[in-house]
C-alpha atoms as a PDB file:
ATOM      1  CA  MET A   1      13.000 -30.297  -1.270  1.00  0.00           C
ATOM      2  CA  ASN A   2      10.333 -31.673   1.561  1.00  0.00           C
ATOM      3  CA  THR A   3       7.347 -29.659   3.033  1.00  0.00           C
ATOM      4  CA  ALA A   4       9.557 -28.691   6.144  1.00  0.00           C
ATOM      5  CA  GLU A   5      12.476 -27.387   3.553  1.00  0.00           C
ATOM      6  CA  GLN A   6      10.116 -25.690   1.779  1.00  0.00           C
ATOM      7  CA  LEU A   7       8.522 -24.193   4.686  1.00  0.00           C
ATOM      8  CA  GLU A   8      11.789 -22.782   5.965  1.00  0.00           C
ATOM      9  CA  LYS A   9      13.051 -21.484   3.041  1.00  0.00           C
ATOM     10  CA  PHE A  10       9.278 -19.651   2.368  1.00  0.00           C
ATOM     11  CA  ILE A  11       9.375 -17.627   5.896  1.00  0.00           C
ATOM     12  CA  ASP A  12      12.771 -16.743   5.422  1.00  0.00           C
ATOM     13  CA  ILE A  13      12.089 -15.471   1.648  1.00  0.00           C
ATOM     14  CA  MET A  14       9.253 -13.396   3.301  1.00  0.00           C
ATOM     15  CA  ALA A  15      11.138 -11.941   6.245  1.00  0.00           C
ATOM     16  CA  ARG A  16      13.859 -10.836   3.980  1.00  0.00           C
ATOM     17  CA  PHE A  17      11.498  -9.293   1.187  1.00  0.00           C
ATOM     18  CA  THR A  18       9.114  -8.000   4.345  1.00  0.00           C
ATOM     19  CA  VAL A  19      12.175  -5.926   5.425  1.00  0.00           C
ATOM     20  CA  TYR A  20      13.602  -5.052   2.365  1.00  0.00           C
ATOM     21  CA  THR A  21       9.953  -2.874   1.386  1.00  0.00           C
ATOM     22  CA  GLY A  22      10.284  -1.363   4.549  1.00  0.00           C
ATOM     23  CA  LYS A  23      13.901   0.062   3.177  1.00  0.00           C
ATOM     24  CA  TYR A  24      13.457   0.908  -0.716  1.00  0.00           C
ATOM     25  CA  LEU A  25      10.463   2.553  -2.467  1.00  0.00           C
ATOM     26  CA  PRO A  26       9.228   0.204  -5.608  1.00  0.00           C
ATOM     27  CA  ASP A  27      10.557   1.476  -8.903  1.00  0.00           C
ATOM     28  CA  ASP A  28       7.009   2.850  -9.825  1.00  0.00           C
ATOM     29  CA  VAL A  29       6.827   5.334  -6.742  1.00  0.00           C
ATOM     30  CA  TYR A  30      10.696   6.163  -7.263  1.00  0.00           C
ATOM     31  CA  ALA A  31      10.547   7.002 -10.751  1.00  0.00           C
ATOM     32  CA  LYS A  32       7.149   9.481  -9.567  1.00  0.00           C
ATOM     33  CA  LEU A  33       8.660  10.965  -6.980  1.00  0.00           C
ATOM     34  CA  GLN A  34      11.456  11.914  -9.328  1.00  0.00           C
ATOM     35  CA  ASP A  35       8.871  13.191 -12.083  1.00  0.00           C
ATOM     36  CA  LEU A  36       7.133  15.467  -9.399  1.00  0.00           C
ATOM     37  CA  ARG A  37      10.488  16.453  -8.291  1.00  0.00           C
ATOM     38  CA  GLU A  38      11.540  18.129 -11.517  1.00  0.00           C
ATOM     39  CA  LYS A  39       8.481  19.747 -12.058  1.00  0.00           C
ATOM     40  CA  GLU A  40       8.966  21.963  -8.545  1.00  0.00           C
ATOM     41  CA  ASP A  41      10.772  25.394  -8.823  1.00  0.00           C
ATOM     42  CA  ALA A  42       9.463  26.592  -5.466  1.00  0.00           C
ATOM     43  CA  ALA A  43      12.686  26.806  -3.154  1.00  0.00           C
ATOM     44  CA  LEU A  44      10.545  25.210  -0.203  1.00  0.00           C
ATOM     45  CA  ALA A  45       9.084  22.454  -2.100  1.00  0.00           C
ATOM     46  CA  THR A  46      12.333  21.888  -3.314  1.00  0.00           C
ATOM     47  CA  ILE A  47      14.005  21.256  -0.320  1.00  0.00           C
ATOM     48  CA  VAL A  48      11.425  19.345   0.998  1.00  0.00           C
ATOM     49  CA  TYR A  49      12.338  16.664  -2.056  1.00  0.00           C
ATOM     50  CA  ASP A  50      15.868  16.516  -1.716  1.00  0.00           C
ATOM     51  CA  ALA A  51      15.334  15.897   1.998  1.00  0.00           C
ATOM     52  CA  MET A  52      13.067  12.735   0.593  1.00  0.00           C
ATOM     53  CA  PHE A  53      15.596  11.204  -1.821  1.00  0.00           C
ATOM     54  CA  GLU A  54      18.636  12.219   0.913  1.00  0.00           C
ATOM     55  CA  ASP A  55      16.646   9.814   3.073  1.00  0.00           C
ATOM     56  CA  LEU A  56      16.492   7.279   0.923  1.00  0.00           C
ATOM     57  CA  ARG A  57      20.121   8.053   0.263  1.00  0.00           C
ATOM     58  CA  LEU A  58      20.947   7.107   3.649  1.00  0.00           C
ATOM     59  CA  ALA A  59      18.291   4.182   4.116  1.00  0.00           C
ATOM     60  CA  HIS A  60      20.436   2.447   1.572  1.00  0.00           C
ATOM     61  CA  GLU A  61      23.929   3.346   2.651  1.00  0.00           C
ATOM     62  CA  LEU A  62      23.238   2.815   6.451  1.00  0.00           C
ATOM     63  CA  ASP A  63      20.514  -0.446   5.594  1.00  0.00           C
ATOM     64  CA  ARG A  64      17.699   0.464   7.530  1.00  0.00           C
ATOM     65  CA  PRO A  65      13.780   1.395   7.183  1.00  0.00           C
ATOM     66  CA  LEU A  66      13.428   4.871   5.626  1.00  0.00           C
ATOM     67  CA  CYS A  67      10.597   5.663   7.766  1.00  0.00           C
ATOM     68  CA  GLN A  68      11.027   4.570  11.027  1.00  0.00           C
ATOM     69  CA  ASP A  69       6.871   4.237  11.335  1.00  0.00           C
ATOM     70  CA  THR A  70       7.731   0.354   9.726  1.00  0.00           C
ATOM     71  CA  GLY A  71       3.513   0.096   9.716  1.00  0.00           C
ATOM     72  CA  VAL A  72       1.228  -2.495  10.377  1.00  0.00           C
ATOM     73  CA  ILE A  73       1.947  -5.404   8.412  1.00  0.00           C
ATOM     74  CA  GLN A  74      -0.583  -6.651   5.598  1.00  0.00           C
ATOM     75  CA  TYR A  75      -0.261  -9.294   3.186  1.00  0.00           C
ATOM     76  CA  PHE A  76      -2.637  -9.431   0.166  1.00  0.00           C
ATOM     77  CA  VAL A  77      -2.153 -13.148  -1.018  1.00  0.00           C
ATOM     78  CA  GLN A  78      -2.882 -14.800  -4.982  1.00  0.00           C
ATOM     79  CA  VAL A  79      -2.196 -18.140  -4.427  1.00  0.00           C
ATOM     80  CA  GLY A  80      -2.376 -21.034  -6.499  1.00  0.00           C
ATOM     81  CA  SER A  81      -4.922 -23.911  -5.766  1.00  0.00           C
ATOM     82  CA  ARG A  82      -2.089 -26.135  -6.204  1.00  0.00           C
ATOM     83  CA  PHE A  83       0.799 -24.083  -4.363  1.00  0.00           C
ATOM     84  CA  PRO A  84       2.830 -26.600  -2.397  1.00  0.00           C
ATOM     85  CA  LEU A  85       2.400 -24.461   1.129  1.00  0.00           C
ATOM     86  CA  LEU A  86      -1.031 -23.511   0.375  1.00  0.00           C
ATOM     87  CA  ASP A  87      -1.838 -24.917   3.847  1.00  0.00           C
ATOM     88  CA  HIS A  88       0.680 -23.589   5.747  1.00  0.00           C
ATOM     89  CA  ILE A  89       0.781 -19.995   4.446  1.00  0.00           C
ATOM     90  CA  GLU A  90      -0.902 -17.987   7.263  1.00  0.00           C
ATOM     91  CA  ASN A  91       1.041 -19.557   9.962  1.00  0.00           C
ATOM     92  CA  ALA A  92       4.333 -19.268   7.848  1.00  0.00           C
ATOM     93  CA  LEU A  93       3.375 -15.204   7.265  1.00  0.00           C
ATOM     94  CA  VAL A  94       2.990 -14.845  10.717  1.00  0.00           C
ATOM     95  CA  GLU A  95       6.228 -16.332  11.751  1.00  0.00           C
ATOM     96  CA  ALA A  96       8.162 -14.526   8.503  1.00  0.00           C
ATOM     97  CA  VAL A  97       6.683 -11.378   9.952  1.00  0.00           C
ATOM     98  CA  LYS A  98       8.275 -12.150  13.848  1.00  0.00           C
ATOM     99  CA  LYS A  99      11.334 -12.572  11.898  1.00  0.00           C
ATOM    100  CA  ALA A 100      11.317  -9.592   9.846  1.00  0.00           C
ATOM    101  CA  THR A 101      11.028  -7.602  12.891  1.00  0.00           C
ATOM    102  CA  ARG A 102      14.316  -8.880  14.753  1.00  0.00           C
ATOM    103  CA  LEU A 103      15.925  -8.534  10.765  1.00  0.00           C
ATOM    104  CA  GLY A 104      14.627  -4.981  10.142  1.00  0.00           C
ATOM    105  CA  PRO A 105      14.480  -4.087  12.558  1.00  0.00           C
ATOM    106  CA  LEU A 106      11.034  -3.088  12.335  1.00  0.00           C
ATOM    107  CA  ARG A 107       9.160  -0.713  14.979  1.00  0.00           C
ATOM    108  CA  HIS A 108       6.600  -2.946  17.304  1.00  0.00           C
ATOM    109  CA  ASN A 109       3.390  -1.700  15.841  1.00  0.00           C
ATOM    110  CA  ALA A 110       0.371  -4.158  16.429  1.00  0.00           C
ATOM    111  CA  VAL A 111      -1.074  -3.298  19.828  1.00  0.00           C
ATOM    112  CA  GLU A 112      -3.844  -5.221  20.886  1.00  0.00           C
ATOM    113  CA  VAL A 113      -7.258  -3.750  21.194  1.00  0.00           C
ATOM    114  CA  PHE A 114      -9.014  -3.447  24.606  1.00  0.00           C
ATOM    115  CA  GLU A 115      -5.419  -4.312  26.089  1.00  0.00           C
ATOM    116  CA  GLU A 116      -3.852  -1.649  25.225  1.00  0.00           C
ATOM    117  CA  LYS A 117      -0.838  -3.565  24.987  1.00  0.00           C
ATOM    118  CA  ASN A 118       1.876  -3.514  21.978  1.00  0.00           C
ATOM    119  CA  THR A 119       3.062  -7.184  21.606  1.00  0.00           C
ATOM    120  CA  GLY A 120       6.350  -6.545  20.610  1.00  0.00           C
ATOM    121  CA  ASN A 121       6.676  -8.710  17.455  1.00  0.00           C
ATOM    122  CA  ASN A 122       4.236  -6.909  15.368  1.00  0.00           C
ATOM    123  CA  VAL A 123       1.833 -10.173  15.285  1.00  0.00           C
ATOM    124  CA  GLY A 124      -1.559  -9.940  16.993  1.00  0.00           C
ATOM    125  CA  LYS A 125      -4.892 -10.898  16.790  1.00  0.00           C
ATOM    126  CA  ARG A 126      -5.356 -11.247  12.810  1.00  0.00           C
ATOM    127  CA  ILE A 127      -2.179  -9.198  11.880  1.00  0.00           C
ATOM    128  CA  PRO A 128      -0.565  -9.661   9.861  1.00  0.00           C
ATOM    129  CA  TRP A 129      -3.760  -8.898   7.853  1.00  0.00           C
ATOM    130  CA  ILE A 130      -3.816 -11.250   5.021  1.00  0.00           C
ATOM    131  CA  ASP A 131      -6.238 -11.027   2.156  1.00  0.00           C
ATOM    132  CA  TRP A 132      -7.079 -14.185   0.474  1.00  0.00           C
ATOM    133  CA  GLU A 133      -7.331 -14.866  -3.605  1.00  0.00           C
ATOM    134  CA  LEU A 134      -7.048 -18.466  -4.529  1.00  0.00           C
ATOM    135  CA  VAL A 135      -6.155 -18.854  -8.339  1.00  0.00           C
ATOM    136  CA  PRO A 136      -7.259 -22.196 -10.220  1.00  0.00           C
ATOM    137  CA  ASP A 137      -4.981 -24.442 -11.272  1.00  0.00           C
ATOM    138  CA  SER A 138      -2.013 -22.431 -10.267  1.00  0.00           C
ATOM    139  CA  ASP A 139       1.327 -23.645  -8.366  1.00  0.00           C
ATOM    140  CA  GLU A 140       2.259 -20.153  -7.883  1.00  0.00           C
ATOM    141  CA  ALA A 141       1.934 -17.544  -5.316  1.00  0.00           C
ATOM    142  CA  THR A 142       1.698 -14.179  -5.737  1.00  0.00           C
ATOM    143  CA  ILE A 143       1.881 -11.588  -2.379  1.00  0.00           C
ATOM    144  CA  TYR A 144       1.806  -8.088  -1.602  1.00  0.00           C
ATOM    145  CA  VAL A 145       3.618  -6.503   0.709  1.00  0.00           C
ATOM    146  CA  TYR A 146       1.873  -3.485   2.019  1.00  0.00           C
ATOM    147  CA  MET A 147       3.622  -1.283   5.424  1.00  0.00           C
ATOM    148  CA  ALA A 148       0.135   0.483   6.562  1.00  0.00           C
ATOM    149  CA  GLY A 149       1.871   3.217   8.361  1.00  0.00           C
ATOM    150  CA  GLY A 150      -0.047   5.482  11.124  1.00  0.00           C
ATOM    151  CA  GLY A 151       0.001   8.529   9.014  1.00  0.00           C
ATOM    152  CA  CYS A 152      -0.775   7.255   5.566  1.00  0.00           C
ATOM    153  CA  SER A 153      -3.780   5.522   7.485  1.00  0.00           C
ATOM    154  CA  LEU A 154      -4.946   8.851   8.915  1.00  0.00           C
ATOM    155  CA  PRO A 155      -7.044  10.122   6.100  1.00  0.00           C
ATOM    156  CA  GLY A 156      -9.022   6.725   5.977  1.00  0.00           C
ATOM    157  CA  ILE A 157     -12.751   6.931   5.736  1.00  0.00           C
ATOM    158  CA  ALA A 158     -15.372   4.531   4.028  1.00  0.00           C
ATOM    159  CA  ARG A 159     -19.404   5.971   3.791  1.00  0.00           C
ATOM    160  CA  VAL A 160     -22.592   4.929   2.075  1.00  0.00           C
ATOM    161  CA  LEU A 161     -23.832   7.932   0.458  1.00  0.00           C
ATOM    162  CA  MET A 162     -27.703   8.175  -0.424  1.00  0.00           C
ATOM    163  CA  PRO A 163     -28.116   7.102  -3.974  1.00  0.00           C
ATOM    164  CA  LEU A 164     -29.580  11.350  -4.994  1.00  0.00           C
ATOM    165  CA  GLU A 165     -25.299  11.771  -3.871  1.00  0.00           C
ATOM    166  CA  GLY A 166     -24.396  10.069  -7.266  1.00  0.00           C
ATOM    167  CA  TYR A 167     -20.618   9.761  -7.910  1.00  0.00           C
ATOM    168  CA  GLU A 168     -20.521  13.686  -7.149  1.00  0.00           C
ATOM    169  CA  GLY A 169     -21.090  12.719  -4.097  1.00  0.00           C
ATOM    170  CA  VAL A 170     -17.698  10.196  -4.007  1.00  0.00           C
ATOM    171  CA  VAL A 171     -15.636  12.782  -5.556  1.00  0.00           C
ATOM    172  CA  LYS A 172     -16.667  14.992  -2.797  1.00  0.00           C
ATOM    173  CA  LEU A 173     -15.744  12.756   0.093  1.00  0.00           C
ATOM    174  CA  VAL A 174     -12.542  12.230  -1.460  1.00  0.00           C
ATOM    175  CA  PHE A 175     -11.603  15.950  -1.546  1.00  0.00           C
ATOM    176  CA  ASP A 176     -13.197  16.953   2.155  1.00  0.00           C
ATOM    177  CA  GLN A 177     -11.403  14.474   3.319  1.00  0.00           C
ATOM    178  CA  VAL A 178      -7.762  14.991   1.442  1.00  0.00           C
ATOM    179  CA  THR A 179      -7.857  18.758   2.279  1.00  0.00           C
ATOM    180  CA  SER A 180      -8.940  18.074   5.972  1.00  0.00           C
ATOM    181  CA  TYR A 181      -6.138  15.273   6.813  1.00  0.00           C
ATOM    182  CA  GLY A 182      -4.338  14.313   3.663  1.00  0.00           C
ATOM    183  CA  ILE A 183      -1.397  16.746   5.191  1.00  0.00           C
ATOM    184  CA  ASN A 184      -1.142  14.499   8.162  1.00  0.00           C
ATOM    185  CA  ALA A 185      -0.179  11.212   5.500  1.00  0.00           C
ATOM    186  CA  CYS A 186       2.981  12.787   3.920  1.00  0.00           C
ATOM    187  CA  PRO A 187       1.927  13.793   0.462  1.00  0.00           C
ATOM    188  CA  PRO A 188       2.451  13.782  -2.108  1.00  0.00           C
ATOM    189  CA  LEU A 189      -0.426  11.258  -1.765  1.00  0.00           C
ATOM    190  CA  LEU A 190      -1.027   8.078  -3.557  1.00  0.00           C
ATOM    191  CA  ILE A 191      -5.437   7.821  -3.732  1.00  0.00           C
ATOM    192  CA  GLY A 192      -6.943   4.328  -3.422  1.00  0.00           C
ATOM    193  CA  ILE A 193     -10.827   4.810  -3.955  1.00  0.00           C
ATOM    194  CA  GLY A 194     -13.177   2.228  -3.557  1.00  0.00           C
ATOM    195  CA  ILE A 195     -16.630   2.610  -4.931  1.00  0.00           C
ATOM    196  CA  ALA A 196     -19.167  -0.302  -3.983  1.00  0.00           C
ATOM    197  CA  GLY A 197     -22.617  -1.469  -2.877  1.00  0.00           C
ATOM    198  CA  SER A 198     -21.439  -1.948   0.870  1.00  0.00           C
ATOM    199  CA  VAL A 199     -19.214  -0.024   3.062  1.00  0.00           C
ATOM    200  CA  GLU A 200     -16.804  -3.340   3.892  1.00  0.00           C
ATOM    201  CA  VAL A 201     -16.319  -3.825  -0.073  1.00  0.00           C
ATOM    202  CA  ALA A 202     -15.595  -0.255  -0.968  1.00  0.00           C
ATOM    203  CA  ALA A 203     -13.155  -0.094   2.312  1.00  0.00           C
ATOM    204  CA  LYS A 204     -11.448  -3.357   0.888  1.00  0.00           C
ATOM    205  CA  LEU A 205     -11.382  -2.064  -2.822  1.00  0.00           C
ATOM    206  CA  SER A 206      -9.706   1.359  -1.910  1.00  0.00           C
ATOM    207  CA  LYS A 207      -6.877  -0.761  -0.201  1.00  0.00           C
ATOM    208  CA  LYS A 208      -6.402  -2.844  -2.900  1.00  0.00           C
ATOM    209  CA  ALA A 209      -6.204   0.079  -5.483  1.00  0.00           C
ATOM    210  CA  LEU A 210      -3.072   1.294  -3.465  1.00  0.00           C
ATOM    211  CA  LEU A 211      -1.475  -1.923  -4.901  1.00  0.00           C
ATOM    212  CA  ARG A 212      -1.887  -0.857  -8.663  1.00  0.00           C
ATOM    213  CA  PRO A 213       1.417   0.175 -10.426  1.00  0.00           C
ATOM    214  CA  ILE A 214       1.224   3.736 -10.354  1.00  0.00           C
ATOM    215  CA  GLY A 215       0.782   5.411 -14.001  1.00  0.00           C
ATOM    216  CA  SER A 216      -2.292   2.544 -14.119  1.00  0.00           C
ATOM    217  CA  GLN A 217      -5.535   3.236 -15.067  1.00  0.00           C
ATOM    218  CA  ASN A 218      -9.505   1.506 -14.023  1.00  0.00           C
ATOM    219  CA  SER A 219     -10.025  -0.699 -16.709  1.00  0.00           C
ATOM    220  CA  ASN A 220     -13.692   1.449 -17.779  1.00  0.00           C
ATOM    221  CA  PRO A 221     -13.207   4.463 -19.951  1.00  0.00           C
ATOM    222  CA  ARG A 222     -15.300   5.771 -17.728  1.00  0.00           C
ATOM    223  CA  GLY A 223     -13.849   4.925 -14.131  1.00  0.00           C
ATOM    224  CA  ALA A 224      -9.849   6.394 -16.322  1.00  0.00           C
ATOM    225  CA  GLU A 225     -11.570   9.495 -16.771  1.00  0.00           C
ATOM    226  CA  LEU A 226     -12.764   9.912 -13.167  1.00  0.00           C
ATOM    227  CA  GLU A 227      -9.393   9.473 -12.310  1.00  0.00           C
ATOM    228  CA  ALA A 228      -7.709  11.796 -14.283  1.00  0.00           C
ATOM    229  CA  LEU A 229     -10.450  14.282 -13.531  1.00  0.00           C
ATOM    230  CA  ILE A 230     -10.014  13.638  -9.378  1.00  0.00           C
ATOM    231  CA  GLU A 231      -6.191  13.635  -9.973  1.00  0.00           C
ATOM    232  CA  ALA A 232      -6.318  16.763 -11.933  1.00  0.00           C
ATOM    233  CA  GLY A 233      -8.175  18.626  -9.204  1.00  0.00           C
ATOM    234  CA  LEU A 234      -6.224  17.366  -6.275  1.00  0.00           C
ATOM    235  CA  ASN A 235      -2.974  18.348  -8.095  1.00  0.00           C
ATOM    236  CA  ALA A 236      -4.489  21.828  -8.216  1.00  0.00           C
ATOM    237  CA  ILE A 237      -5.109  22.290  -4.960  1.00  0.00           C
ATOM    238  CA  LYS A 238      -1.385  22.248  -4.571  1.00  0.00           C
ATOM    239  CA  ILE A 239      -1.004  20.553  -1.234  1.00  0.00           C
ATOM    240  CA  GLY A 240       2.727  19.646  -2.369  1.00  0.00           C
ATOM    241  CA  PRO A 241       5.524  17.856  -0.713  1.00  0.00           C
ATOM    242  CA  GLY A 242       5.059  17.686   3.006  1.00  0.00           C
ATOM    243  CA  GLY A 243       1.840  19.463   2.640  1.00  0.00           C
ATOM    244  CA  LEU A 244       3.716  22.567   2.763  1.00  0.00           C
ATOM    245  CA  GLY A 245       2.762  23.791  -0.611  1.00  0.00           C
ATOM    246  CA  GLY A 246       3.585  23.356  -4.435  1.00  0.00           C
ATOM    247  CA  GLU A 247       2.645  22.068  -7.656  1.00  0.00           C
ATOM    248  CA  ASN A 248       1.183  18.403  -6.933  1.00  0.00           C
ATOM    249  CA  SER A 249      -0.499  16.661  -4.144  1.00  0.00           C
ATOM    250  CA  VAL A 250      -0.700  13.158  -5.295  1.00  0.00           C
ATOM    251  CA  MET A 251       1.183  10.913  -7.151  1.00  0.00           C
ATOM    252  CA  GLY A 252      -2.274   9.313  -8.480  1.00  0.00           C
ATOM    253  CA  VAL A 253      -5.386   7.920  -8.267  1.00  0.00           C
ATOM    254  CA  HIS A 254      -6.961   4.545  -8.571  1.00  0.00           C
ATOM    255  CA  ILE A 255     -10.345   3.486  -8.474  1.00  0.00           C
ATOM    256  CA  GLU A 256     -11.281  -0.008  -8.090  1.00  0.00           C
ATOM    257  CA  GLU A 257     -15.246  -0.902  -8.071  1.00  0.00           C
ATOM    258  CA  ALA A 258     -17.654  -3.799  -7.599  1.00  0.00           C
ATOM    259  CA  ALA A 259     -21.282  -3.658  -8.816  1.00  0.00           C
ATOM    260  CA  ARG A 260     -23.708  -2.001  -6.678  1.00  0.00           C
ATOM    261  CA  HIS A 261     -26.851  -1.879  -4.891  1.00  0.00           C
ATOM    262  CA  PRO A 262     -29.247   0.426  -6.287  1.00  0.00           C
ATOM    263  CA  ALA A 263     -30.217   2.230  -3.498  1.00  0.00           C
ATOM    264  CA  THR A 264     -27.214   2.612  -2.142  1.00  0.00           C
ATOM    265  CA  ILE A 265     -23.392   4.171  -3.080  1.00  0.00           C
ATOM    266  CA  ALA A 266     -20.526   3.284  -0.717  1.00  0.00           C
ATOM    267  CA  ALA A 267     -17.276   4.811  -0.815  1.00  0.00           C
ATOM    268  CA  ALA A 268     -14.288   4.609   0.527  1.00  0.00           C
ATOM    269  CA  LEU A 269     -10.400   6.294   0.661  1.00  0.00           C
ATOM    270  CA  SER A 270      -7.334   4.795   1.534  1.00  0.00           C
ATOM    271  CA  THR A 271      -4.115   6.869   0.802  1.00  0.00           C
ATOM    272  CA  GLY A 272      -0.363   6.235   0.507  1.00  0.00           C
ATOM    273  CA  CYS A 273       2.586   8.263   1.750  1.00  0.00           C
ATOM    274  CA  TRP A 274       5.410   9.645  -0.501  1.00  0.00           C
ATOM    275  CA  ALA A 275       7.592   6.758   1.649  1.00  0.00           C
ATOM    276  CA  HIS A 276       4.579   4.427  -0.403  1.00  0.00           C
ATOM    277  CA  ARG A 277       5.748   1.045   0.931  1.00  0.00           C
ATOM    278  CA  ARG A 278       4.246  -1.692  -1.143  1.00  0.00           C
ATOM    279  CA  GLY A 279       6.098  -4.736  -2.940  1.00  0.00           C
ATOM    280  CA  VAL A 280       5.190  -7.579  -4.894  1.00  0.00           C
ATOM    281  CA  ILE A 281       6.544 -10.737  -4.954  1.00  0.00           C
ATOM    282  CA  LYS A 282       6.286 -14.276  -6.677  1.00  0.00           C
ATOM    283  CA  ILE A 283       6.908 -17.557  -5.590  1.00  0.00           C
ATOM    284  CA  LYS A 284       7.037 -20.929  -7.575  1.00  0.00           C
ATOM    285  CA  ALA A 285       6.194 -24.199  -6.436  1.00  0.00           C
ATOM    286  CA  ASP A 286       9.899 -25.337  -5.724  1.00  0.00           C
ATOM    287  CA  MET A 287      10.622 -21.965  -3.583  1.00  0.00           C
ATOM    288  CA  GLU A 288      12.433 -19.738  -6.470  1.00  0.00           C
ATOM    289  CA  TYR A 289      11.411 -16.420  -6.491  1.00  0.00           C
ATOM    290  CA  GLN A 290      10.729 -12.944  -8.884  1.00  0.00           C
ATOM    291  CA  ILE A 291      10.533  -9.989  -7.171  1.00  0.00           C
ATOM    292  CA  ILE A 292       8.459  -7.703  -9.567  1.00  0.00           C
ATOM    293  CA  SER A 293       7.932  -4.470  -7.625  1.00  0.00           C
ATOM    294  CA  HIS A 294      11.897  -3.924  -7.538  1.00  0.00           C
ATOM    295  CA  GLN A 295      13.537  -4.745 -10.492  1.00  0.00           C
ATOM    296  CA  GLY A 296      16.665  -6.921 -10.574  1.00  0.00           C
ATOM    297  CA  VAL A 297      16.837  -7.445  -6.971  1.00  0.00           C
ATOM    298  CA  VAL A 298      17.988 -10.610  -4.976  1.00  0.00           C
ATOM    299  CA  LEU A 299      17.163 -11.046  -1.699  1.00  0.00           C
END
């Protein structure tokens, strides 16, 4: 297979996988929603969960996105230094988004700043957003697709705290934001928290925290403990599905951290809605692929 043929196949795979991500929840999210649904006995919460699963059923039956807001497309790319299309990935992902927009169909969500013009194909300046990690001595690419919807983006915030605020200040930031804006993000939420020394690092880590499988823990025991404490505290508020009250508020809490400056604690919050459109695919050098987030799926 020559480079042109590889490129065509890569674009087609990523276009179809992007569309698929908008129609089917990843396995871990679906399983968590089932678990939360079983823990509810309040009539209104049960009705909301029933509506969610009916939505998922119809998305499958009618072959259409499970939410009308298919978001701003973001790709988090872990690419090997020997991957044959390393030089072409950025342009290929742009073409994949254009193709996915037609195939989905995906709602047109790329509005150019200042011009205030919708591009009509989900491609614009720096969109799709592509985050890069280079993997030495590898010929594979692992790509995370994330659909950043308007609702789940509303609670997002990043701040640099004074050192005396401590990690208690991080917790306060999260609770203040979730209790103020959380219902706009279509609960139950997935909470991503970034802690670092500068605001842009914390913000990026908070989004990457949303890419982790539900149920995974921070690699540091204290970090894992803080995740559990925040999750228990947010659930105790009982925001419930759709923000209408219920036993739980969140699907999980994930914290990612970077070493910080002694004088600052930067904290950021990103949220995923119940319709957490996150997909993970691994593409090999010969363009064969494995979908990690949705087991057994062939495009």
